[in-house]
Amino acid sequence: MTIDWLSQGAAAVSALVIGFIWYGILFKNTWMSAAGLTLAKIKRGLHPAILYSIVLILCFILSIGLHRHIILIHAKFGSTTDYPFWHGVSHGITDSFLYGAITVFLVNALFDLRNWKYMLINIGYWIIVFGVMGGIVGYLG
């Protein structure tokens, strides 16, 4: 298996950057309320260095899957595109639904009796993240 450290690393980091903007700025209060979180609860959680390291590793694993789908499979069949970023975005968004990220999240959220605000905020984040990660992998990969 080929690992393209630049494209996959950049894609993984993009998830953290988008998460900072999405959860830390745009939807901070709405998300915290919908998730039942307070700043005190967050401070009792994992140390931020540990939390973000784990998240970065998991997002890197996601980028490996996107790289395999966007780059390696197309290379195997000899297909190319004139718009690698947008091709990657389309694969990323499609993959977020077809390969489980959104559907698994929704199943868990429904059984956990989460509210719709919580679900929509998180689904929106993952659709954007998969799209951007796919775009980065498509462009740099």
N, C-alpha and C. Protein backbone atom coordinates (compact mmCIF):
# COMPACT_ATOMS: atom_id res chain seq x y z
N MET A 1 0.85 -1.18 0.00
CA MET A 1 0.00 0.00 0.00
C MET A 1 0.89 1.24 0.00
N THR A 2 0.54 2.18 -0.85
CA THR A 2 1.29 3.43 -0.97
C THR A 2 0.73 4.46 0.00
N ILE A 3 1.64 5.12 0.71
CA ILE A 3 1.23 6.24 1.56
C ILE A 3 1.87 7.49 1.01
N ASP A 4 1.06 8.44 0.62
CA ASP A 4 1.54 9.73 0.15
C ASP A 4 1.46 10.67 1.35
N TRP A 5 2.58 10.79 2.04
CA TRP A 5 2.60 11.51 3.32
C TRP A 5 2.15 12.96 3.18
N LEU A 6 2.51 13.61 2.09
CA LEU A 6 2.13 15.02 1.91
C LEU A 6 0.61 15.16 1.76
N SER A 7 0.03 14.45 0.80
CA SER A 7 -1.41 14.63 0.55
C SER A 7 -2.24 14.09 1.71
N GLN A 8 -1.87 12.94 2.23
CA GLN A 8 -2.65 12.34 3.30
C GLN A 8 -2.45 13.09 4.62
N GLY A 9 -1.24 13.57 4.85
CA GLY A 9 -1.01 14.38 6.06
C GLY A 9 -1.75 15.70 6.00
N ALA A 10 -1.71 16.35 4.85
CA ALA A 10 -2.43 17.63 4.68
C ALA A 10 -3.94 17.41 4.83
N ALA A 11 -4.43 16.32 4.28
CA ALA A 11 -5.86 16.02 4.40
C ALA A 11 -6.24 15.80 5.86
N ALA A 12 -5.41 15.07 6.60
CA ALA A 12 -5.70 14.82 8.01
C ALA A 12 -5.68 16.11 8.82
N VAL A 13 -4.70 16.96 8.57
CA VAL A 13 -4.62 18.23 9.29
C VAL A 13 -5.82 19.12 8.95
N SER A 14 -6.29 19.04 7.71
CA SER A 14 -7.44 19.87 7.32
C SER A 14 -8.66 19.57 8.17
N ALA A 15 -8.82 18.32 8.59
CA ALA A 15 -9.97 17.96 9.44
C ALA A 15 -9.89 18.69 10.78
N LEU A 16 -8.68 18.84 11.33
CA LEU A 16 -8.53 19.56 12.59
C LEU A 16 -8.79 21.05 12.42
N VAL A 17 -8.30 21.60 11.31
CA VAL A 17 -8.52 23.03 11.05
C VAL A 17 -10.02 23.31 10.87
N ILE A 18 -10.67 22.48 10.08
CA ILE A 18 -12.12 22.64 9.87
C ILE A 18 -12.85 22.45 11.19
N GLY A 19 -12.44 21.48 11.98
CA GLY A 19 -13.06 21.24 13.29
C GLY A 19 -12.93 22.44 14.21
N PHE A 20 -11.77 23.09 14.21
CA PHE A 20 -11.58 24.29 15.02
C PHE A 20 -12.57 25.38 14.61
N ILE A 21 -12.69 25.58 13.31
CA ILE A 21 -13.61 26.62 12.82
C ILE A 21 -15.06 26.20 13.09
N TRP A 22 -15.42 24.96 12.78
CA TRP A 22 -16.80 24.47 12.87
C TRP A 22 -17.29 24.42 14.31
N TYR A 23 -16.52 23.73 15.16
CA TYR A 23 -16.95 23.52 16.54
C TYR A 23 -16.48 24.61 17.49
N GLY A 24 -15.38 25.28 17.16
CA GLY A 24 -14.84 26.29 18.06
C GLY A 24 -15.33 27.69 17.80
N ILE A 25 -15.80 27.95 16.57
CA ILE A 25 -16.23 29.30 16.23
C ILE A 25 -17.68 29.32 15.76
N LEU A 26 -17.97 28.62 14.66
CA LEU A 26 -19.30 28.72 14.04
C LEU A 26 -20.43 28.16 14.91
N PHE A 27 -20.23 26.97 15.47
CA PHE A 27 -21.32 26.29 16.18
C PHE A 27 -20.99 25.98 17.64
N LYS A 28 -20.05 26.69 18.21
CA LYS A 28 -19.55 26.36 19.55
C LYS A 28 -20.68 26.20 20.56
N ASN A 29 -21.46 27.23 20.76
CA ASN A 29 -22.50 27.19 21.80
C ASN A 29 -23.63 26.23 21.45
N THR A 30 -24.05 26.25 20.20
CA THR A 30 -25.12 25.35 19.76
C THR A 30 -24.69 23.90 19.88
N TRP A 31 -23.46 23.59 19.44
CA TRP A 31 -22.94 22.23 19.53
C TRP A 31 -22.80 21.78 20.98
N MET A 32 -22.22 22.64 21.81
CA MET A 32 -22.03 22.27 23.22
C MET A 32 -23.36 22.00 23.90
N SER A 33 -24.34 22.83 23.62
CA SER A 33 -25.67 22.64 24.19
C SER A 33 -26.31 21.35 23.68
N ALA A 34 -26.25 21.12 22.37
CA ALA A 34 -26.85 19.93 21.78
C ALA A 34 -26.17 18.65 22.26
N ALA A 35 -24.86 18.73 22.55
CA ALA A 35 -24.11 17.57 23.01
C ALA A 35 -24.17 17.40 24.53
N GLY A 36 -24.75 18.38 25.21
CA GLY A 36 -24.80 18.31 26.67
C GLY A 36 -23.45 18.57 27.32
N LEU A 37 -22.63 19.38 26.67
CA LEU A 37 -21.28 19.67 27.18
C LEU A 37 -21.21 21.03 27.83
N THR A 38 -20.31 21.14 28.77
CA THR A 38 -19.95 22.42 29.37
C THR A 38 -18.44 22.52 29.31
N LEU A 39 -17.92 23.73 29.53
CA LEU A 39 -16.46 23.88 29.54
C LEU A 39 -15.84 23.04 30.65
N ALA A 40 -16.54 22.93 31.78
CA ALA A 40 -16.03 22.12 32.89
C ALA A 40 -15.93 20.64 32.49
N LYS A 41 -16.94 20.13 31.79
CA LYS A 41 -16.89 18.73 31.32
C LYS A 41 -15.75 18.52 30.33
N ILE A 42 -15.58 19.47 29.44
CA ILE A 42 -14.52 19.36 28.45
C ILE A 42 -13.16 19.35 29.13
N LYS A 43 -12.97 20.19 30.14
CA LYS A 43 -11.69 20.25 30.85
C LYS A 43 -11.39 18.96 31.61
N ARG A 44 -12.43 18.22 32.00
CA ARG A 44 -12.24 16.94 32.69
C ARG A 44 -11.93 15.80 31.73
N GLY A 45 -12.05 16.06 30.44
CA GLY A 45 -11.81 15.03 29.42
C GLY A 45 -10.33 14.80 29.21
N LEU A 46 -10.02 14.17 28.08
CA LEU A 46 -8.63 13.90 27.73
C LEU A 46 -7.83 15.18 27.62
N HIS A 47 -6.55 15.09 27.95
CA HIS A 47 -5.66 16.23 27.75
C HIS A 47 -5.69 16.59 26.26
N PRO A 48 -5.75 17.88 25.93
CA PRO A 48 -5.86 18.27 24.52
C PRO A 48 -4.78 17.67 23.61
N ALA A 49 -3.55 17.54 24.10
CA ALA A 49 -2.49 16.96 23.26
C ALA A 49 -2.80 15.51 22.92
N ILE A 50 -3.33 14.77 23.87
CA ILE A 50 -3.68 13.37 23.62
C ILE A 50 -4.89 13.30 22.69
N LEU A 51 -5.91 14.10 22.98
CA LEU A 51 -7.13 14.11 22.18
C LEU A 51 -6.84 14.42 20.72
N TYR A 52 -6.11 15.51 20.48
CA TYR A 52 -5.86 15.92 19.10
C TYR A 52 -4.89 14.98 18.40
N SER A 53 -3.99 14.35 19.12
CA SER A 53 -3.10 13.35 18.51
C SER A 53 -3.91 12.15 18.03
N ILE A 54 -4.83 11.68 18.86
CA ILE A 54 -5.67 10.55 18.47
C ILE A 54 -6.54 10.92 17.27
N VAL A 55 -7.13 12.09 17.31
CA VAL A 55 -7.98 12.54 16.20
C VAL A 55 -7.16 12.66 14.92
N LEU A 56 -5.95 13.19 15.01
CA LEU A 56 -5.10 13.32 13.83
C LEU A 56 -4.77 11.95 13.23
N ILE A 57 -4.46 10.98 14.08
CA ILE A 57 -4.18 9.62 13.60
C ILE A 57 -5.42 9.02 12.92
N LEU A 58 -6.58 9.19 13.54
CA LEU A 58 -7.82 8.65 12.94
C LEU A 58 -8.13 9.33 11.60
N CYS A 59 -7.92 10.63 11.52
CA CYS A 59 -8.16 11.34 10.25
C CYS A 59 -7.14 10.93 9.21
N PHE A 60 -5.92 10.61 9.63
CA PHE A 60 -4.93 10.11 8.68
C PHE A 60 -5.39 8.77 8.11
N ILE A 61 -5.96 7.93 8.96
CA ILE A 61 -6.49 6.65 8.49
C ILE A 61 -7.61 6.88 7.47
N LEU A 62 -8.48 7.86 7.74
CA LEU A 62 -9.52 8.21 6.76
C LEU A 62 -8.90 8.64 5.43
N SER A 63 -7.84 9.43 5.52
CA SER A 63 -7.21 9.91 4.29
C SER A 63 -6.58 8.76 3.49
N ILE A 64 -6.13 7.71 4.17
CA ILE A 64 -5.60 6.54 3.47
C ILE A 64 -6.71 5.90 2.63
N GLY A 65 -7.89 5.77 3.21
CA GLY A 65 -9.02 5.21 2.46
C GLY A 65 -9.40 6.08 1.28
N LEU A 66 -9.43 7.38 1.49
CA LEU A 66 -9.75 8.28 0.37
C LEU A 66 -8.68 8.19 -0.71
N HIS A 67 -7.42 8.14 -0.31
CA HIS A 67 -6.33 8.03 -1.28
C HIS A 67 -6.47 6.76 -2.11
N ARG A 68 -6.77 5.66 -1.44
CA ARG A 68 -6.94 4.39 -2.16
C ARG A 68 -8.07 4.49 -3.18
N HIS A 69 -9.16 5.13 -2.79
CA HIS A 69 -10.31 5.22 -3.68
C HIS A 69 -10.10 6.23 -4.80
N ILE A 70 -9.61 7.41 -4.45
CA ILE A 70 -9.51 8.49 -5.44
C ILE A 70 -8.32 8.27 -6.38
N ILE A 71 -7.19 7.90 -5.86
CA ILE A 71 -5.96 7.83 -6.66
C ILE A 71 -5.68 6.42 -7.17
N LEU A 72 -5.58 5.47 -6.27
CA LEU A 72 -5.11 4.15 -6.66
C LEU A 72 -6.08 3.40 -7.56
N ILE A 73 -7.36 3.47 -7.26
CA ILE A 73 -8.34 2.76 -8.09
C ILE A 73 -8.40 3.38 -9.48
N HIS A 74 -8.39 4.70 -9.55
CA HIS A 74 -8.42 5.35 -10.86
C HIS A 74 -7.15 5.06 -11.65
N ALA A 75 -6.02 5.03 -10.97
CA ALA A 75 -4.76 4.71 -11.65
C ALA A 75 -4.79 3.29 -12.21
N LYS A 76 -5.40 2.39 -11.45
CA LYS A 76 -5.49 0.99 -11.89
C LYS A 76 -6.24 0.87 -13.21
N PHE A 77 -7.28 1.69 -13.37
CA PHE A 77 -8.08 1.61 -14.59
C PHE A 77 -7.68 2.65 -15.63
N GLY A 78 -6.64 3.43 -15.33
CA GLY A 78 -6.12 4.38 -16.30
C GLY A 78 -6.97 5.61 -16.51
N SER A 79 -7.88 5.91 -15.59
CA SER A 79 -8.72 7.09 -15.77
C SER A 79 -8.04 8.32 -15.16
N THR A 80 -8.25 9.46 -15.79
CA THR A 80 -7.68 10.72 -15.31
C THR A 80 -8.77 11.79 -15.34
N THR A 81 -8.46 12.92 -14.75
CA THR A 81 -9.41 14.03 -14.75
C THR A 81 -8.66 15.35 -14.94
N ASP A 82 -9.32 16.32 -15.52
CA ASP A 82 -8.73 17.65 -15.68
C ASP A 82 -8.94 18.50 -14.43
N TYR A 83 -9.75 18.04 -13.52
CA TYR A 83 -10.08 18.79 -12.31
C TYR A 83 -9.86 17.91 -11.08
N PRO A 84 -8.61 17.62 -10.72
CA PRO A 84 -8.35 16.66 -9.65
C PRO A 84 -8.91 17.09 -8.29
N PHE A 85 -8.90 18.39 -7.99
CA PHE A 85 -9.43 18.83 -6.69
C PHE A 85 -10.93 18.53 -6.61
N TRP A 86 -11.68 18.97 -7.61
CA TRP A 86 -13.14 18.79 -7.58
C TRP A 86 -13.53 17.32 -7.73
N HIS A 87 -12.74 16.56 -8.45
CA HIS A 87 -12.97 15.13 -8.54
C HIS A 87 -12.83 14.51 -7.15
N GLY A 88 -11.78 14.92 -6.43
CA GLY A 88 -11.58 14.43 -5.07
C GLY A 88 -12.69 14.86 -4.13
N VAL A 89 -13.16 16.10 -4.28
CA VAL A 89 -14.28 16.58 -3.45
C VAL A 89 -15.51 15.71 -3.68
N SER A 90 -15.81 15.43 -4.94
CA SER A 90 -17.01 14.62 -5.22
C SER A 90 -16.88 13.22 -4.64
N HIS A 91 -15.69 12.63 -4.75
CA HIS A 91 -15.48 11.31 -4.14
C HIS A 91 -15.57 11.40 -2.63
N GLY A 92 -14.99 12.42 -2.05
CA GLY A 92 -15.02 12.56 -0.60
C GLY A 92 -16.43 12.65 -0.06
N ILE A 93 -17.25 13.49 -0.68
CA ILE A 93 -18.64 13.64 -0.23
C ILE A 93 -19.42 12.35 -0.44
N THR A 94 -19.24 11.74 -1.60
CA THR A 94 -19.93 10.48 -1.88
C THR A 94 -19.48 9.39 -0.90
N ASP A 95 -18.19 9.31 -0.67
CA ASP A 95 -17.65 8.30 0.25
C ASP A 95 -18.16 8.49 1.67
N SER A 96 -18.39 9.75 2.07
CA SER A 96 -18.87 9.98 3.43
C SER A 96 -20.22 9.32 3.67
N PHE A 97 -21.02 9.18 2.62
CA PHE A 97 -22.31 8.51 2.74
C PHE A 97 -22.19 7.02 2.46
N LEU A 98 -21.52 6.67 1.37
CA LEU A 98 -21.51 5.27 0.92
C LEU A 98 -20.68 4.36 1.80
N TYR A 99 -19.59 4.85 2.35
CA TYR A 99 -18.69 3.98 3.10
C TYR A 99 -18.82 4.15 4.61
N GLY A 100 -19.89 4.74 5.05
CA GLY A 100 -20.24 4.61 6.44
C GLY A 100 -20.14 5.79 7.36
N ALA A 101 -19.34 6.80 7.10
CA ALA A 101 -19.15 7.85 8.10
C ALA A 101 -20.48 8.48 8.53
N ILE A 102 -21.26 8.90 7.58
CA ILE A 102 -22.53 9.57 7.91
C ILE A 102 -23.56 8.55 8.37
N THR A 103 -23.67 7.45 7.67
CA THR A 103 -24.71 6.47 8.03
C THR A 103 -24.44 5.84 9.39
N VAL A 104 -23.19 5.50 9.68
CA VAL A 104 -22.87 4.94 11.00
C VAL A 104 -23.11 5.96 12.09
N PHE A 105 -22.70 7.21 11.84
CA PHE A 105 -22.94 8.26 12.82
C PHE A 105 -24.44 8.40 13.12
N LEU A 106 -25.26 8.43 12.06
CA LEU A 106 -26.70 8.58 12.26
C LEU A 106 -27.31 7.42 13.03
N VAL A 107 -26.90 6.21 12.72
CA VAL A 107 -27.41 5.05 13.47
C VAL A 107 -27.08 5.21 14.95
N ASN A 108 -25.83 5.52 15.25
CA ASN A 108 -25.45 5.69 16.66
C ASN A 108 -26.20 6.84 17.31
N ALA A 109 -26.31 7.97 16.62
CA ALA A 109 -27.00 9.13 17.20
C ALA A 109 -28.48 8.84 17.45
N LEU A 110 -29.11 8.12 16.56
CA LEU A 110 -30.52 7.77 16.76
C LEU A 110 -30.70 6.86 17.97
N PHE A 111 -29.85 5.85 18.11
CA PHE A 111 -29.96 4.97 19.26
C PHE A 111 -29.55 5.66 20.56
N ASP A 112 -28.66 6.65 20.46
CA ASP A 112 -28.26 7.42 21.65
C ASP A 112 -29.27 8.51 21.99
N LEU A 113 -30.36 8.58 21.22
CA LEU A 113 -31.42 9.57 21.42
C LEU A 113 -30.91 11.01 21.34
N ARG A 114 -29.97 11.24 20.42
CA ARG A 114 -29.45 12.59 20.23
C ARG A 114 -30.47 13.44 19.49
N ASN A 115 -30.42 14.74 19.71
CA ASN A 115 -31.37 15.63 19.05
C ASN A 115 -30.89 15.97 17.63
N TRP A 116 -31.79 16.54 16.84
CA TRP A 116 -31.50 16.82 15.44
C TRP A 116 -30.43 17.88 15.27
N LYS A 117 -30.36 18.85 16.18
CA LYS A 117 -29.30 19.86 16.08
C LYS A 117 -27.94 19.19 16.17
N TYR A 118 -27.80 18.31 17.13
CA TYR A 118 -26.55 17.58 17.31
C TYR A 118 -26.19 16.81 16.04
N MET A 119 -27.17 16.11 15.49
CA MET A 119 -26.92 15.30 14.30
C MET A 119 -26.55 16.18 13.10
N LEU A 120 -27.29 17.24 12.88
CA LEU A 120 -27.04 18.09 11.72
C LEU A 120 -25.69 18.80 11.80
N ILE A 121 -25.31 19.26 13.00
CA ILE A 121 -24.01 19.91 13.17
C ILE A 121 -22.89 18.93 12.84
N ASN A 122 -22.98 17.73 13.36
CA ASN A 122 -21.93 16.74 13.13
C ASN A 122 -21.92 16.21 11.70
N ILE A 123 -23.09 15.99 11.13
CA ILE A 123 -23.16 15.54 9.74
C ILE A 123 -22.58 16.61 8.81
N GLY A 124 -22.94 17.86 9.04
CA GLY A 124 -22.39 18.95 8.24
C GLY A 124 -20.88 18.99 8.29
N TYR A 125 -20.34 18.81 9.50
CA TYR A 125 -18.88 18.79 9.65
C TYR A 125 -18.26 17.68 8.82
N TRP A 126 -18.79 16.47 8.95
CA TRP A 126 -18.18 15.33 8.26
C TRP A 126 -18.33 15.41 6.74
N ILE A 127 -19.42 15.94 6.25
CA ILE A 127 -19.56 16.11 4.80
C ILE A 127 -18.50 17.08 4.29
N ILE A 128 -18.33 18.19 4.99
CA ILE A 128 -17.32 19.17 4.58
C ILE A 128 -15.93 18.58 4.70
N VAL A 129 -15.65 17.90 5.80
CA VAL A 129 -14.32 17.32 6.00
C VAL A 129 -14.00 16.28 4.92
N PHE A 130 -14.93 15.38 4.65
CA PHE A 130 -14.67 14.38 3.61
C PHE A 130 -14.47 15.05 2.26
N GLY A 131 -15.25 16.08 1.97
CA GLY A 131 -15.09 16.79 0.70
C GLY A 131 -13.73 17.46 0.59
N VAL A 132 -13.33 18.18 1.63
CA VAL A 132 -12.04 18.87 1.60
C VAL A 132 -10.89 17.86 1.59
N MET A 133 -10.99 16.83 2.41
CA MET A 133 -9.94 15.80 2.42
C MET A 133 -9.83 15.14 1.05
N GLY A 134 -10.96 14.83 0.44
CA GLY A 134 -10.94 14.24 -0.89
C GLY A 134 -10.33 15.18 -1.91
N GLY A 135 -10.66 16.47 -1.81
CA GLY A 135 -10.07 17.47 -2.71
C GLY A 135 -8.57 17.56 -2.57
N ILE A 136 -8.09 17.55 -1.34
CA ILE A 136 -6.64 17.63 -1.10
C ILE A 136 -5.95 16.39 -1.64
N VAL A 137 -6.52 15.22 -1.33
CA VAL A 137 -5.93 13.97 -1.83
C VAL A 137 -5.97 13.94 -3.36
N GLY A 138 -7.07 14.36 -3.93
CA GLY A 138 -7.17 14.37 -5.40
C GLY A 138 -6.17 15.31 -6.04
N TYR A 139 -5.96 16.48 -5.44
CA TYR A 139 -5.07 17.48 -6.00
C TYR A 139 -3.60 17.14 -5.78
N LEU A 140 -3.26 16.76 -4.55
CA LEU A 140 -1.86 16.50 -4.22
C LEU A 140 -1.42 15.06 -4.46
N GLY A 141 -2.43 14.14 -4.47
CA GLY A 141 -2.10 12.71 -4.55
C GLY A 141 -1.75 12.31 -5.93
